[in-house]
Amino acid sequence: MNRIKQTEVFAQMQAKENGRYRPFSFSYVRLSDSREGNGEAGSIVHYPVAFFCSIHTIGDTVNIRIQGDIHPKKFLKCMIVKFNGKKVYA
């Protein structure tokens, strides 16, 4: 089966290996146009290597650090459409 439930995505994001969060890949639907001009609203962006930072269980966001970046970025949970090559469903 090539899909994964949304709640399982966040459990796998938080998995650790040797005391560190394991890297993962994900695809995300842009909510608005990119400030840098490299993507428009509704386009899908793929991040091949990312690391979990924190999750807001009451809210609707998750903080993820993209490989090569110093600071994490905030992503809406519901806009993550692929995780480790698997399609995400609710």
Protein backbone atom coordinates (compact mmCIF):
# COMPACT_ATOMS: atom_id res chain seq x y z
CA MET A 1 0.00 0.00 0.00
CA ASN A 2 1.44 3.33 -1.04
CA ARG A 3 -0.39 5.68 1.31
CA ILE A 4 -0.24 6.72 4.95
CA LYS A 5 -2.78 8.10 7.43
CA GLN A 6 -2.18 11.70 8.51
CA THR A 7 -1.92 10.83 12.22
CA GLU A 8 0.73 8.19 11.43
CA VAL A 9 2.78 10.80 9.54
CA PHE A 10 3.27 12.85 12.71
CA ALA A 11 4.13 9.75 14.76
CA GLN A 12 6.80 8.80 12.20
CA MET A 13 8.14 12.37 12.06
CA GLN A 14 8.83 12.19 15.79
CA ALA A 15 10.67 8.85 15.59
CA LYS A 16 14.25 9.01 16.86
CA GLU A 17 17.37 7.09 15.93
CA ASN A 18 20.40 7.29 18.25
CA GLY A 19 18.76 10.16 20.13
CA ARG A 20 18.13 12.29 17.02
CA TYR A 21 15.08 12.75 14.85
CA ARG A 22 15.23 10.63 11.71
CA PRO A 23 15.32 12.45 8.37
CA PHE A 24 12.29 12.19 6.09
CA SER A 25 11.03 13.56 2.79
CA PHE A 26 7.71 15.26 2.18
CA SER A 27 5.69 17.22 -0.36
CA TYR A 28 3.66 20.26 0.54
CA VAL A 29 1.02 22.33 -1.26
CA ARG A 30 1.86 26.04 -1.23
CA LEU A 31 -0.88 28.14 0.29
CA SER A 32 0.34 31.41 -1.22
CA ASP A 33 2.80 32.71 -3.80
CA SER A 34 6.48 32.41 -2.91
CA ARG A 35 8.14 35.65 -1.81
CA GLU A 36 11.25 34.59 -3.76
CA GLY A 37 9.20 34.08 -6.92
CA ASN A 38 9.94 30.37 -7.26
CA GLY A 39 6.43 29.01 -6.80
CA GLU A 40 2.81 29.99 -6.94
CA ALA A 41 -0.17 29.17 -4.75
CA GLY A 42 -1.41 25.62 -5.26
CA SER A 43 1.92 24.31 -6.54
CA ILE A 44 3.44 21.26 -4.84
CA VAL A 45 6.92 21.62 -3.37
CA HIS A 46 9.03 18.54 -2.59
CA TYR A 47 11.57 18.55 0.23
CA PRO A 48 13.89 15.52 -0.12
CA VAL A 49 15.51 15.79 3.35
CA ALA A 50 13.87 17.34 6.41
CA PHE A 51 13.93 16.98 10.19
CA PHE A 52 11.14 17.28 12.75
CA CYS A 53 11.45 20.17 15.24
CA SER A 54 8.10 20.53 17.06
CA ILE A 55 4.39 20.03 16.63
CA HIS A 56 1.43 22.02 17.92
CA THR A 57 -1.10 19.39 18.96
CA ILE A 58 -3.86 21.89 19.66
CA GLY A 59 -3.02 24.03 16.64
CA ASP A 60 -2.69 23.06 13.01
CA THR A 61 1.03 23.52 12.34
CA VAL A 62 4.26 21.55 12.56
CA ASN A 63 7.78 23.02 12.61
CA ILE A 64 10.19 21.28 10.23
CA ARG A 65 13.82 22.07 9.50
CA ILE A 66 14.80 21.59 5.87
CA GLN A 67 18.32 20.26 5.26
CA GLY A 68 20.67 23.19 4.69
CA ASP A 69 18.51 25.66 6.62
CA ILE A 70 19.43 26.88 10.10
CA HIS A 71 15.94 27.67 11.34
CA PRO A 72 12.79 25.53 11.08
CA LYS A 73 9.82 26.53 8.94
CA LYS A 74 6.18 26.35 9.95
CA PHE A 75 3.93 24.11 7.82
CA LEU A 76 0.18 23.54 8.00
CA LYS A 77 -0.41 19.87 8.84
CA CYS A 78 -3.28 19.48 6.38
CA MET A 79 -1.17 20.73 3.44
CA ILE A 80 1.37 17.87 3.61
CA VAL A 81 0.36 15.59 0.73
CA LYS A 82 3.25 13.09 0.60
CA PHE A 83 5.50 11.64 3.28
CA ASN A 84 8.48 9.41 2.46
CA GLY A 85 6.98 8.75 -0.98
CA LYS A 86 3.56 7.75 0.39
CA LYS A 87 0.37 9.68 -0.31
CA VAL A 88 -1.16 11.17 2.87
CA TYR A 89 -4.87 10.71 3.61
CA ALA A 90 -7.05 12.01 6.46
